[in-house]
Amino acid sequence: MRRIGSVLLGTLLLGGVCTATVGTAAAAERRADVKLTAAPSTVEVPAGKPGTVKLTYSNIGNVPKVGSSITAPIPKGLTATARPAPGWTCHIDDWPSLVCDTDGKLDPGAVVVPAEVDLSAAAPVSAGVEFGTLGFYRDPTENPADNYSTVQVRVS
């Protein structure tokens, strides 16, 4: 027997007769696939006042996702303060980047809000903040197309 893509092909020779069985539909690939959104997509606030961004994290795959990490480089002039949900931890690293982690499990179809993030600045600034799921816990089999969400921040 040999494997062709996701279909198993078997051939059996009996008395000079060749019989083959081929599956008609490929088996569904089993994987976790996380999707990250940050809303609203634009935050406009006066200097010294925070604008809140809500992160929404979902598993659109068909197996549980265990352990997750969300990061966001913080542009110069902005301050980020995260309020993590239970089971999540957030901190600002040396880059500076916001890093939120969990060792928890996200079942297929589940949606969580891992953190709400306040973005502010003491002086006028305009910058984009890209939230992403890159990090230690990232599963290389998932679709990376929906693993990022960018928020435009305008402080006047």
Protein backbone atom coordinates (compact mmCIF):
# COMPACT_ATOMS: atom_id res chain seq x y z
CA MET A 1 0.00 0.00 0.00
CA ARG A 2 1.11 3.52 -0.59
CA ARG A 3 -0.24 6.85 0.53
CA ILE A 4 -1.18 9.42 -2.12
CA GLY A 5 -1.99 12.76 -0.54
CA SER A 6 -4.74 12.06 1.95
CA VAL A 7 -6.09 8.99 0.12
CA LEU A 8 -4.93 5.44 0.82
CA LEU A 9 -4.54 3.27 -2.30
CA GLY A 10 -4.38 -0.48 -1.95
CA THR A 11 -3.73 -3.01 -4.69
CA LEU A 12 -4.16 -6.77 -4.40
CA LEU A 13 -3.23 -9.34 -7.04
CA LEU A 14 -5.37 -12.51 -6.97
CA GLY A 15 -4.94 -15.13 -9.71
CA GLY A 16 -3.91 -12.55 -12.30
CA VAL A 17 -6.76 -10.17 -11.37
CA CYS A 18 -5.85 -6.71 -10.16
CA THR A 19 -8.25 -5.06 -7.73
CA ALA A 20 -7.84 -1.49 -6.52
CA THR A 21 -9.82 0.52 -3.99
CA VAL A 22 -9.46 4.27 -3.86
CA GLY A 23 -11.22 6.53 -1.36
CA THR A 24 -13.45 9.06 -3.10
CA ALA A 25 -12.96 11.88 -0.60
CA ALA A 26 -9.81 12.98 1.13
CA ALA A 27 -9.89 12.65 4.89
CA ALA A 28 -10.17 15.99 6.68
CA GLU A 29 -6.83 17.23 7.98
CA ARG A 30 -6.87 17.30 11.77
CA ARG A 31 -5.40 20.51 13.11
CA ALA A 32 -5.96 23.42 15.41
CA ASP A 33 -6.27 26.70 13.55
CA VAL A 34 -6.45 29.90 15.56
CA LYS A 35 -7.88 33.20 14.37
CA LEU A 36 -7.04 36.50 16.05
CA THR A 37 -8.97 39.76 15.72
CA ALA A 38 -8.41 43.09 17.44
CA ALA A 39 -11.29 45.56 17.55
CA PRO A 40 -11.87 48.29 16.83
CA SER A 41 -9.50 48.54 13.87
CA THR A 42 -8.96 52.27 14.57
CA VAL A 43 -8.53 53.96 17.95
CA GLU A 44 -8.68 57.78 18.11
CA VAL A 45 -8.13 59.42 21.50
CA PRO A 46 -6.80 62.69 22.94
CA ALA A 47 -3.32 62.67 24.49
CA GLY A 48 -3.31 61.19 27.98
CA LYS A 49 -6.53 59.20 27.47
CA PRO A 50 -6.58 55.46 26.70
CA GLY A 51 -8.35 53.73 23.84
CA THR A 52 -9.34 50.12 24.50
CA VAL A 53 -8.74 47.27 22.06
CA LYS A 54 -10.49 43.94 22.61
CA LEU A 55 -8.63 40.84 21.41
CA THR A 56 -10.78 37.91 20.24
CA TYR A 57 -9.11 34.53 19.81
CA SER A 58 -10.90 31.55 18.27
CA ASN A 59 -10.09 28.01 17.18
CA ILE A 60 -11.58 27.41 13.74
CA GLY A 61 -9.74 24.09 13.46
CA ASN A 62 -11.04 20.64 14.30
CA VAL A 63 -8.78 19.67 17.23
CA PRO A 64 -8.04 21.50 20.51
CA LYS A 65 -5.26 24.09 20.64
CA VAL A 66 -3.16 23.74 23.79
CA GLY A 67 -1.03 26.71 24.80
CA SER A 68 -1.12 30.02 22.98
CA SER A 69 0.94 33.19 22.72
CA ILE A 70 -0.10 36.60 21.37
CA THR A 71 2.46 39.35 20.81
CA ALA A 72 2.38 42.98 19.67
CA PRO A 73 5.40 45.26 19.23
CA ILE A 74 4.61 48.61 20.88
CA PRO A 75 5.53 51.58 18.63
CA LYS A 76 7.58 54.43 20.07
CA GLY A 77 5.44 56.95 21.93
CA LEU A 78 2.61 54.51 22.76
CA THR A 79 1.92 52.87 26.11
CA ALA A 80 0.09 49.53 26.31
CA THR A 81 -1.63 48.24 29.44
CA ALA A 82 -3.25 44.80 29.24
CA ARG A 83 -6.05 43.38 31.36
CA PRO A 84 -5.75 39.61 30.82
CA ALA A 85 -8.62 37.17 31.21
CA PRO A 86 -8.41 34.40 33.82
CA GLY A 87 -5.92 31.76 32.66
CA TRP A 88 -3.90 34.29 30.64
CA THR A 89 -0.85 36.34 31.69
CA CYS A 90 0.42 39.50 29.97
CA HIS A 91 3.62 41.49 30.31
CA ILE A 92 5.74 44.00 28.38
CA ASP A 93 9.12 42.58 27.35
CA ASP A 94 12.37 44.41 26.57
CA TRP A 95 11.66 45.08 22.84
CA PRO A 96 9.12 46.55 23.98
CA SER A 97 6.35 44.16 23.00
CA LEU A 98 3.14 43.14 24.68
CA VAL A 99 3.16 39.37 25.27
CA CYS A 100 0.09 37.43 26.45
CA ASP A 101 0.37 33.68 27.11
CA THR A 102 -1.73 30.77 28.28
CA ASP A 103 -1.12 27.08 28.84
CA GLY A 104 -4.87 26.49 28.59
CA LYS A 105 -6.82 24.54 25.99
CA LEU A 106 -9.00 26.12 23.31
CA ASP A 107 -11.49 23.57 21.96
CA PRO A 108 -12.62 23.53 18.31
CA GLY A 109 -15.21 26.28 17.75
CA ALA A 110 -14.34 28.02 21.03
CA VAL A 111 -13.95 31.80 21.19
CA VAL A 112 -12.23 33.66 24.05
CA VAL A 113 -11.22 37.22 24.85
CA PRO A 114 -7.67 36.72 26.18
CA ALA A 115 -7.17 40.41 27.01
CA GLU A 116 -8.37 43.95 26.64
CA VAL A 117 -5.53 46.35 25.90
CA ASP A 118 -5.51 50.08 26.67
CA LEU A 119 -3.37 52.08 24.23
CA SER A 120 -2.41 55.65 25.09
CA ALA A 121 0.23 58.32 24.54
CA ALA A 122 1.28 61.47 26.38
CA ALA A 123 1.78 63.38 23.10
CA PRO A 124 0.26 63.22 19.61
CA VAL A 125 1.25 60.11 17.67
CA SER A 126 -0.10 57.98 14.84
CA ALA A 127 0.97 54.34 14.61
CA GLY A 128 -0.14 50.83 13.78
CA VAL A 129 -0.08 48.06 16.38
CA GLU A 130 0.05 44.55 14.91
CA PHE A 131 -1.19 41.78 17.19
CA GLY A 132 -0.07 38.30 16.17
CA THR A 133 0.03 34.69 17.31
CA LEU A 134 3.72 34.14 16.74
CA GLY A 135 5.54 32.70 19.70
CA PHE A 136 6.69 29.58 21.46
CA TYR A 137 3.30 27.83 21.36
CA ARG A 138 2.52 28.40 17.66
CA ASP A 139 1.46 25.29 15.74
CA PRO A 140 3.19 25.21 12.33
CA THR A 141 0.26 23.30 10.73
CA GLU A 142 -2.26 26.10 11.16
CA ASN A 143 -3.24 28.60 8.49
CA PRO A 144 -1.20 31.77 9.17
CA ALA A 145 -3.43 34.05 7.06
CA ASP A 146 -5.73 34.93 9.99
CA ASN A 147 -3.13 35.01 12.77
CA TYR A 148 -2.64 38.81 12.68
CA SER A 149 -4.81 41.85 13.30
CA THR A 150 -3.66 45.47 13.05
CA VAL A 151 -5.09 48.45 14.91
CA GLN A 152 -4.39 52.02 13.78
CA VAL A 153 -3.89 54.35 16.76
CA ARG A 154 -4.23 58.12 16.45
CA VAL A 155 -3.54 60.24 19.51
CA SER A 156 -4.21 63.98 19.08
